[in-house]
């Protein structure tokens, strides 16, 4: 037995729509069987700034490796971290 879905009304503006959804459970309006996978290729992954304290000799070595590769040292750190995380 399938649950009868409610019809989503037409909204005058975004504010009216926001107020409507703030007071309702969207699952009463959505049929997950008809949902489609969405791809947003132009979205950039969100980033978070962190503070990382490194010994001078380690930072110097990383900067030297980055200079040899002609890339910013922070980018090289991100690449190395990603490689390490992906290793089994």
N, C-alpha and C. Protein backbone atom coordinates (compact mmCIF):
# COMPACT_ATOMS: atom_id res chain seq x y z
N UNK A 1 0.84 -1.18 0.00
CA UNK A 1 0.00 0.00 0.00
C UNK A 1 0.88 1.24 0.00
N UNK A 2 0.71 2.10 -0.99
CA UNK A 2 1.53 3.30 -1.06
C UNK A 2 0.83 4.46 -0.36
N UNK A 3 1.62 5.28 0.24
CA UNK A 3 1.11 6.44 0.97
C UNK A 3 0.74 7.53 -0.03
N UNK A 4 -0.37 8.16 0.16
CA UNK A 4 -0.82 9.24 -0.72
C UNK A 4 -0.01 10.50 -0.41
N UNK A 5 0.63 11.04 -1.43
CA UNK A 5 1.48 12.22 -1.26
C UNK A 5 0.66 13.50 -1.36
N UNK A 6 1.07 14.48 -0.59
CA UNK A 6 0.44 15.80 -0.66
C UNK A 6 1.01 16.56 -1.85
N UNK A 7 0.24 17.49 -2.38
CA UNK A 7 0.66 18.31 -3.51
C UNK A 7 1.37 19.56 -3.01
N UNK A 8 2.49 19.87 -3.61
CA UNK A 8 3.24 21.08 -3.25
C UNK A 8 2.54 22.27 -3.91
N UNK A 9 2.19 23.29 -3.12
CA UNK A 9 1.50 24.46 -3.69
C UNK A 9 2.45 25.35 -4.48
N UNK A 10 1.88 26.27 -5.24
CA UNK A 10 2.66 27.30 -5.93
C UNK A 10 2.94 28.41 -4.91
N UNK A 11 4.14 28.96 -4.98
CA UNK A 11 4.53 29.99 -4.01
C UNK A 11 4.69 31.33 -4.72
N UNK A 12 4.30 32.38 -4.01
CA UNK A 12 4.41 33.73 -4.57
C UNK A 12 5.88 34.16 -4.67
N UNK A 13 6.69 33.74 -3.68
CA UNK A 13 8.10 34.10 -3.67
C UNK A 13 8.87 33.13 -2.79
N UNK A 14 10.15 33.33 -2.73
CA UNK A 14 11.01 32.43 -1.96
C UNK A 14 10.71 32.49 -0.46
N UNK A 15 10.35 33.65 0.03
CA UNK A 15 10.02 33.80 1.45
C UNK A 15 8.82 32.95 1.81
N UNK A 16 7.80 32.97 0.97
CA UNK A 16 6.60 32.17 1.22
C UNK A 16 6.93 30.68 1.20
N UNK A 17 7.79 30.29 0.26
CA UNK A 17 8.19 28.88 0.18
C UNK A 17 8.98 28.47 1.43
N UNK A 18 9.89 29.33 1.86
CA UNK A 18 10.69 29.04 3.05
C UNK A 18 9.80 28.87 4.27
N UNK A 19 8.82 29.76 4.44
CA UNK A 19 7.90 29.67 5.57
C UNK A 19 7.08 28.38 5.51
N UNK A 20 6.66 28.00 4.31
CA UNK A 20 5.90 26.77 4.12
C UNK A 20 6.70 25.56 4.59
N UNK A 21 7.95 25.43 4.11
CA UNK A 21 8.75 24.26 4.43
C UNK A 21 9.27 24.27 5.87
N UNK A 22 9.34 25.44 6.49
CA UNK A 22 9.77 25.51 7.89
C UNK A 22 8.76 24.83 8.81
N UNK A 23 7.52 24.73 8.37
CA UNK A 23 6.44 24.20 9.22
C UNK A 23 5.97 22.81 8.81
N UNK A 24 6.60 22.20 7.81
CA UNK A 24 6.11 20.92 7.30
C UNK A 24 7.21 19.90 7.14
N UNK A 25 6.80 18.66 7.10
CA UNK A 25 7.70 17.54 6.85
C UNK A 25 7.69 17.26 5.36
N UNK A 26 8.83 17.44 4.71
CA UNK A 26 8.88 17.29 3.25
C UNK A 26 8.60 15.86 2.80
N UNK A 27 8.77 14.86 3.68
CA UNK A 27 8.56 13.47 3.28
C UNK A 27 7.10 13.19 2.92
N UNK A 28 6.19 14.05 3.34
CA UNK A 28 4.78 13.90 2.98
C UNK A 28 4.52 14.36 1.55
N UNK A 29 5.52 14.99 0.92
CA UNK A 29 5.38 15.54 -0.42
C UNK A 29 6.30 14.89 -1.45
N UNK A 30 7.19 14.03 -1.00
CA UNK A 30 8.25 13.50 -1.86
C UNK A 30 8.13 11.99 -2.04
N UNK A 31 8.20 11.54 -3.29
CA UNK A 31 8.23 10.11 -3.60
C UNK A 31 9.67 9.74 -3.93
N UNK A 32 10.36 9.08 -3.01
CA UNK A 32 11.77 8.75 -3.19
C UNK A 32 11.99 7.81 -4.37
N UNK A 33 10.96 7.07 -4.77
CA UNK A 33 11.11 6.16 -5.91
C UNK A 33 11.29 6.92 -7.22
N UNK A 34 10.86 8.17 -7.26
CA UNK A 34 10.99 8.99 -8.46
C UNK A 34 12.21 9.91 -8.40
N UNK A 35 12.94 9.86 -7.31
CA UNK A 35 14.11 10.72 -7.15
C UNK A 35 15.20 10.33 -8.13
N UNK A 36 15.94 11.31 -8.60
CA UNK A 36 17.04 11.08 -9.52
C UNK A 36 18.33 11.60 -8.91
N UNK A 37 19.41 10.92 -9.23
CA UNK A 37 20.72 11.34 -8.76
C UNK A 37 21.10 12.64 -9.47
N UNK A 38 21.52 13.63 -8.71
CA UNK A 38 21.92 14.92 -9.29
C UNK A 38 23.44 15.06 -9.23
N UNK A 39 24.00 15.64 -10.28
CA UNK A 39 25.44 15.89 -10.34
C UNK A 39 25.63 17.39 -10.53
N UNK A 40 26.49 17.96 -9.72
CA UNK A 40 26.79 19.39 -9.79
C UNK A 40 28.28 19.55 -10.06
N UNK A 41 28.69 19.45 -11.32
CA UNK A 41 30.12 19.42 -11.63
C UNK A 41 30.87 20.71 -11.36
N UNK A 42 30.19 21.82 -11.26
CA UNK A 42 30.89 23.10 -11.09
C UNK A 42 31.02 23.52 -9.63
N UNK A 43 30.54 22.69 -8.71
CA UNK A 43 30.68 23.03 -7.30
C UNK A 43 32.08 22.70 -6.81
N UNK A 44 32.63 23.58 -6.05
CA UNK A 44 33.95 23.34 -5.47
C UNK A 44 33.75 22.71 -4.09
N UNK A 45 34.59 21.75 -3.74
CA UNK A 45 34.45 21.16 -2.40
C UNK A 45 34.66 22.23 -1.33
N UNK A 46 33.89 22.14 -0.28
CA UNK A 46 34.07 23.13 0.79
C UNK A 46 35.42 22.88 1.47
N UNK A 47 35.98 23.94 1.96
CA UNK A 47 37.30 23.88 2.58
C UNK A 47 37.22 24.51 3.96
N UNK A 48 38.12 24.07 4.80
CA UNK A 48 38.20 24.64 6.13
C UNK A 48 39.65 24.99 6.42
N UNK A 49 39.85 26.16 6.92
CA UNK A 49 41.19 26.61 7.28
C UNK A 49 41.58 25.98 8.62
N UNK A 50 42.80 25.47 8.66
CA UNK A 50 43.32 24.92 9.91
C UNK A 50 44.66 25.57 10.22
N UNK A 51 45.04 25.47 11.47
CA UNK A 51 46.36 25.94 11.88
C UNK A 51 47.18 24.71 12.23
N UNK A 52 48.36 24.63 11.64
CA UNK A 52 49.21 23.46 11.85
C UNK A 52 50.61 23.94 12.21
N UNK A 53 51.07 23.55 13.35
CA UNK A 53 52.41 23.96 13.78
C UNK A 53 53.41 22.87 13.38
N UNK A 54 54.42 23.28 12.62
CA UNK A 54 55.45 22.35 12.15
C UNK A 54 56.82 22.84 12.62
N UNK A 55 57.73 21.91 12.88
CA UNK A 55 59.09 22.33 13.19
C UNK A 55 59.70 23.03 11.96
N UNK A 56 60.56 23.99 12.20
CA UNK A 56 61.16 24.76 11.10
C UNK A 56 61.83 23.85 10.07
N UNK A 57 62.56 22.85 10.53
CA UNK A 57 63.27 21.99 9.59
C UNK A 57 62.30 21.22 8.68
N UNK A 58 61.14 20.82 9.22
CA UNK A 58 60.16 20.10 8.42
C UNK A 58 59.53 21.03 7.39
N UNK A 59 59.16 22.24 7.81
CA UNK A 59 58.59 23.20 6.88
C UNK A 59 59.59 23.57 5.78
N UNK A 60 60.84 23.74 6.17
CA UNK A 60 61.88 24.04 5.17
C UNK A 60 62.01 22.91 4.15
N UNK A 61 61.95 21.67 4.62
CA UNK A 61 62.05 20.51 3.72
C UNK A 61 60.85 20.45 2.78
N UNK A 62 59.67 20.73 3.30
CA UNK A 62 58.46 20.72 2.48
C UNK A 62 58.52 21.83 1.44
N UNK A 63 58.95 23.02 1.87
CA UNK A 63 59.06 24.14 0.92
C UNK A 63 60.10 23.85 -0.15
N UNK A 64 61.18 23.19 0.23
CA UNK A 64 62.20 22.82 -0.75
C UNK A 64 61.64 21.83 -1.77
N UNK A 65 60.88 20.84 -1.30
CA UNK A 65 60.27 19.86 -2.21
C UNK A 65 59.26 20.54 -3.13
N UNK A 66 58.52 21.49 -2.58
CA UNK A 66 57.52 22.22 -3.39
C UNK A 66 58.22 23.08 -4.45
N UNK A 67 59.30 23.75 -4.07
CA UNK A 67 60.05 24.57 -5.03
C UNK A 67 60.61 23.71 -6.16
N UNK A 68 61.09 22.51 -5.82
CA UNK A 68 61.63 21.61 -6.84
C UNK A 68 60.56 21.18 -7.84
N UNK A 69 59.31 21.12 -7.36
CA UNK A 69 58.19 20.73 -8.22
C UNK A 69 57.47 21.94 -8.82
N UNK A 70 57.90 23.13 -8.43
CA UNK A 70 57.30 24.38 -8.89
C UNK A 70 55.81 24.46 -8.56
N UNK A 71 55.48 24.11 -7.31
CA UNK A 71 54.10 24.21 -6.82
C UNK A 71 54.12 24.89 -5.46
N UNK A 72 53.02 25.50 -5.06
CA UNK A 72 52.96 26.08 -3.72
C UNK A 72 53.09 24.98 -2.66
N UNK A 73 53.79 25.27 -1.57
CA UNK A 73 54.02 24.24 -0.56
C UNK A 73 52.73 23.76 0.09
N UNK A 74 51.74 24.66 0.24
CA UNK A 74 50.48 24.25 0.85
C UNK A 74 49.74 23.27 -0.06
N UNK A 75 49.83 23.47 -1.37
CA UNK A 75 49.21 22.53 -2.31
C UNK A 75 49.89 21.17 -2.23
N UNK A 76 51.21 21.18 -2.10
CA UNK A 76 51.95 19.93 -2.00
C UNK A 76 51.56 19.18 -0.72
N UNK A 77 51.41 19.89 0.36
CA UNK A 77 50.98 19.26 1.62
C UNK A 77 49.61 18.60 1.43
N UNK A 78 48.68 19.31 0.75
CA UNK A 78 47.34 18.73 0.52
C UNK A 78 47.43 17.47 -0.34
N UNK A 79 48.27 17.49 -1.37
CA UNK A 79 48.43 16.31 -2.23
C UNK A 79 48.98 15.14 -1.41
N UNK A 80 50.02 15.39 -0.63
CA UNK A 80 50.61 14.32 0.17
C UNK A 80 49.61 13.76 1.19
N UNK A 81 48.85 14.64 1.82
CA UNK A 81 47.85 14.17 2.78
C UNK A 81 46.78 13.31 2.09
N UNK A 82 46.33 13.76 0.93
CA UNK A 82 45.32 13.00 0.19
C UNK A 82 45.85 11.63 -0.21
N UNK A 83 47.09 11.58 -0.69
CA UNK A 83 47.71 10.30 -1.06
C UNK A 83 47.79 9.36 0.14
N UNK A 84 48.15 9.90 1.28
CA UNK A 84 48.29 9.09 2.49
C UNK A 84 46.93 8.56 2.95
N UNK A 85 45.92 9.37 2.87
CA UNK A 85 44.59 8.95 3.31
C UNK A 85 44.02 7.88 2.38
N UNK A 86 44.33 7.94 1.09
CA UNK A 86 43.78 6.99 0.12
C UNK A 86 44.50 5.65 0.12
N UNK A 87 45.68 5.58 0.71
CA UNK A 87 46.41 4.30 0.74
C UNK A 87 45.67 3.33 1.65
N UNK A 88 45.60 2.05 1.21
CA UNK A 88 44.91 1.04 2.03
C UNK A 88 45.67 0.69 3.29
